[in-house]
Protein backbone atom coordinates (compact mmCIF):
# COMPACT_ATOMS: atom_id res chain seq x y z
CA MET A 1 -10.60 22.24 21.17
CA SER A 2 -11.84 21.68 17.66
CA ILE A 3 -13.36 18.26 16.99
CA THR A 4 -15.57 17.96 13.91
CA VAL A 5 -17.92 15.03 13.38
CA PHE A 6 -19.30 14.02 9.97
CA ASP A 7 -21.95 11.30 9.87
CA ASN A 8 -22.54 9.33 6.65
CA PHE A 9 -19.16 10.61 5.50
CA LEU A 10 -18.63 8.41 2.47
CA GLU A 11 -21.12 7.58 -0.24
CA GLU A 12 -22.86 4.37 0.82
CA GLU A 13 -21.41 2.31 -2.04
CA ASN A 14 -17.83 3.39 -1.22
CA PHE A 15 -18.32 2.85 2.50
CA LYS A 16 -19.87 -0.63 2.12
CA GLU A 17 -17.00 -1.71 -0.15
CA LEU A 18 -14.47 -0.59 2.48
CA GLN A 19 -16.48 -2.11 5.34
CA THR A 20 -16.80 -5.44 3.50
CA LEU A 21 -13.06 -5.46 2.87
CA LEU A 22 -12.04 -4.75 6.48
CA LEU A 23 -14.59 -7.03 8.14
CA GLY A 24 -14.19 -9.81 5.59
CA SER A 25 -12.32 -13.05 6.17
CA TRP A 26 -9.48 -12.47 3.69
CA PHE A 27 -8.22 -9.03 4.74
CA PRO A 28 -4.58 -9.11 5.98
CA TRP A 29 -4.60 -8.08 9.64
CA TYR A 30 -1.38 -8.12 11.65
CA PHE A 31 -1.12 -8.89 15.35
CA ASN A 32 0.12 -5.91 17.39
CA ASP A 33 1.17 -6.87 20.92
CA GLY A 34 0.14 -3.71 22.73
CA ILE A 35 -2.14 -0.73 22.29
CA ALA A 36 -1.08 2.93 22.39
CA THR A 37 0.26 3.70 25.86
CA THR A 38 -1.98 1.20 27.62
CA ASN A 39 0.98 0.13 29.78
CA THR A 40 -0.76 -2.91 31.14
CA GLU A 41 0.09 -6.55 31.13
CA SER A 42 -3.51 -7.52 30.52
CA VAL A 43 -4.24 -10.38 28.15
CA TYR A 44 -6.46 -7.84 26.35
CA ASP A 45 -3.56 -5.45 25.61
CA TYR A 46 -3.38 -6.20 21.88
CA GLN A 47 -5.01 -5.30 18.60
CA PHE A 48 -4.82 -6.19 14.95
CA THR A 49 -3.59 -3.50 12.58
CA HIS A 50 -3.12 -2.89 8.89
CA THR A 51 -1.01 0.03 7.72
CA PHE A 52 -1.96 1.43 4.31
CA ILE A 53 0.53 4.31 4.39
CA ARG A 54 3.49 4.93 6.72
CA ASP A 55 5.87 7.90 6.57
CA SER A 56 3.99 9.13 3.48
CA LYS A 57 4.79 5.90 1.58
CA ILE A 58 2.25 3.31 0.43
CA THR A 59 2.73 0.06 2.35
CA SER A 60 -0.38 -1.89 1.32
CA ASP A 61 -1.81 -3.32 -1.87
CA CYS A 62 -5.25 -2.36 -0.50
CA VAL A 63 -4.61 1.40 -0.41
CA ASN A 64 -7.01 2.04 -3.31
CA TYR A 65 -9.89 1.14 -0.96
CA VAL A 66 -9.33 4.38 0.97
CA ASP A 67 -9.10 6.58 -2.14
CA SER A 68 -12.68 7.78 -1.57
CA VAL A 69 -11.56 9.25 1.77
CA PHE A 70 -8.57 10.97 0.16
CA GLN A 71 -10.86 12.50 -2.45
CA LYS A 72 -13.09 13.97 0.26
CA ILE A 73 -10.34 15.34 2.53
CA ASN A 74 -8.01 16.42 -0.32
CA PRO A 75 -4.85 16.41 1.81
CA LYS A 76 -1.61 18.14 0.95
CA GLU A 77 0.27 15.12 2.30
CA ILE A 78 -0.79 11.83 3.83
CA LEU A 79 1.49 10.89 6.71
CA ARG A 80 -0.07 7.63 7.84
CA VAL A 81 -3.21 5.59 7.34
CA LYS A 82 -3.71 2.66 9.70
CA ALA A 83 -6.69 0.44 10.40
CA ASN A 84 -7.19 -0.94 13.92
CA LEU A 85 -9.31 -3.95 14.82
CA LEU A 86 -9.93 -4.62 18.50
CA THR A 87 -11.72 -7.76 19.62
CA SER A 88 -14.55 -7.69 22.12
CA SER A 89 -14.37 -8.48 25.81
CA LYS A 90 -16.88 -8.64 28.67
CA GLU A 91 -15.99 -5.10 29.78
CA LEU A 92 -14.81 -2.10 27.77
CA ILE A 93 -11.06 -1.56 27.87
CA GLU A 94 -9.62 1.90 27.20
CA SER A 95 -6.18 2.49 25.75
CA GLY A 96 -4.04 5.28 27.16
CA PHE A 97 -4.21 8.90 26.00
CA HIS A 98 -1.90 9.53 23.05
CA THR A 99 -1.34 11.50 19.88
CA ASP A 100 -0.72 9.86 16.51
CA VAL A 101 1.75 12.41 15.14
CA ASP A 102 4.80 14.18 16.58
CA ASP A 103 3.63 17.39 18.26
CA ASN A 104 6.08 19.42 16.13
CA ILE A 105 4.13 18.58 12.97
CA LYS A 106 1.04 20.67 12.27
CA ALA A 107 -1.28 17.91 11.08
CA LYS A 108 -4.79 16.58 11.37
CA THR A 109 -5.95 13.24 12.64
CA ALA A 110 -9.19 11.70 11.46
CA ILE A 111 -10.96 8.51 12.45
CA LEU A 112 -13.35 6.64 10.18
CA TYR A 113 -15.55 4.25 12.15
CA ILE A 114 -16.12 1.03 10.22
CA ASN A 115 -18.77 -0.59 12.41
CA THR A 116 -21.31 0.50 14.99
CA ASN A 117 -20.65 -0.78 18.50
CA ASP A 118 -20.53 0.37 22.13
CA GLY A 119 -16.87 1.44 21.89
CA TYR A 120 -15.84 5.07 21.62
CA THR A 121 -13.07 7.61 21.24
CA LEU A 122 -12.44 9.74 24.32
CA PHE A 123 -10.62 13.06 24.22
CA LYS A 124 -8.62 14.51 27.11
CA ASP A 125 -11.27 17.24 27.60
CA GLY A 126 -13.94 14.59 28.20
CA THR A 127 -15.54 14.69 24.74
CA ARG A 128 -16.72 11.19 23.84
CA ILE A 129 -17.45 10.13 20.26
CA ALA A 130 -19.51 6.96 19.83
CA SER A 131 -18.47 4.35 17.29
CA VAL A 132 -21.06 4.70 14.54
CA GLU A 133 -20.36 3.22 11.13
CA ASN A 134 -19.40 5.73 8.44
CA ARG A 135 -18.77 8.46 11.02
CA PHE A 136 -15.66 10.56 10.37
CA VAL A 137 -14.09 12.63 13.14
CA VAL A 138 -11.37 15.22 12.42
CA PHE A 139 -9.18 17.02 14.97
CA ASN A 140 -5.75 18.57 15.37
CA SER A 141 -3.14 15.85 15.75
CA ASN A 142 -1.79 17.34 18.99
CA ILE A 143 -5.09 16.62 20.79
CA LYS A 144 -4.73 13.63 23.10
CA HIS A 145 -7.30 10.89 22.64
CA LYS A 146 -7.85 7.23 23.38
CA GLY A 147 -10.03 4.45 22.12
CA THR A 148 -11.67 1.32 23.40
CA ASN A 149 -12.61 -2.11 22.25
CA CYS A 150 -16.30 -3.11 22.44
CA THR A 151 -18.57 -5.54 24.25
CA ASP A 152 -21.60 -5.80 21.94
CA GLN A 153 -20.00 -6.86 18.62
CA LYS A 154 -17.23 -9.30 17.73
CA SER A 155 -14.86 -6.42 17.06
CA ARG A 156 -14.45 -2.64 16.84
CA CYS A 157 -12.84 -1.43 13.64
CA VAL A 158 -11.59 2.08 12.76
CA ILE A 159 -9.18 3.63 10.29
CA ASN A 160 -6.90 6.44 11.49
CA PHE A 161 -5.80 9.05 8.97
CA ASN A 162 -2.92 11.40 9.75
CA PHE A 163 -2.44 14.12 7.17
CA ILE A 164 -1.38 17.65 6.45
CA GLU A 165 -4.21 19.81 5.23
CA ASN A 166 -4.24 21.28 1.79
CA THR A 167 -4.66 25.01 2.41
CA ASN A 168 -4.70 25.98 -1.27
CA GLU A 169 -7.84 27.88 -2.20
CA ASN A 170 -8.22 26.45 -5.71
């Protein structure tokens, strides 16, 4: 299983601008009643989301804030870009294992961690990636993973990128 971790992924100025946007009081978050395959009826089974791109089409006026990521990954095609904000609770709550893209599509998934907290991403093989701000994790989209909320900050915020790699050697 190939999971690649990049710390301090974005230039500090670009990252801080994105972090300020997502954790600020005016950013448009949307209530999502349920988290990927959690299958619980817990009062904690929700998150707030913001979709920048869906089905390769821009769906947000804020998409320019993730341009610095696009410049670094140089994708052939961007399938989806979605920010997730999970509120804290007294105990960590894991979502269910899932993939973000149909298994028939040869794509990559990447997660950009917006804030440092005690939450994490867990992969089916047991690999655990801590939520550290400006960390970027890339893996094949068919690898099952799950996330958590946090207990030590007000929220855990990440952006998921689903894309097809640019294999041109220019």
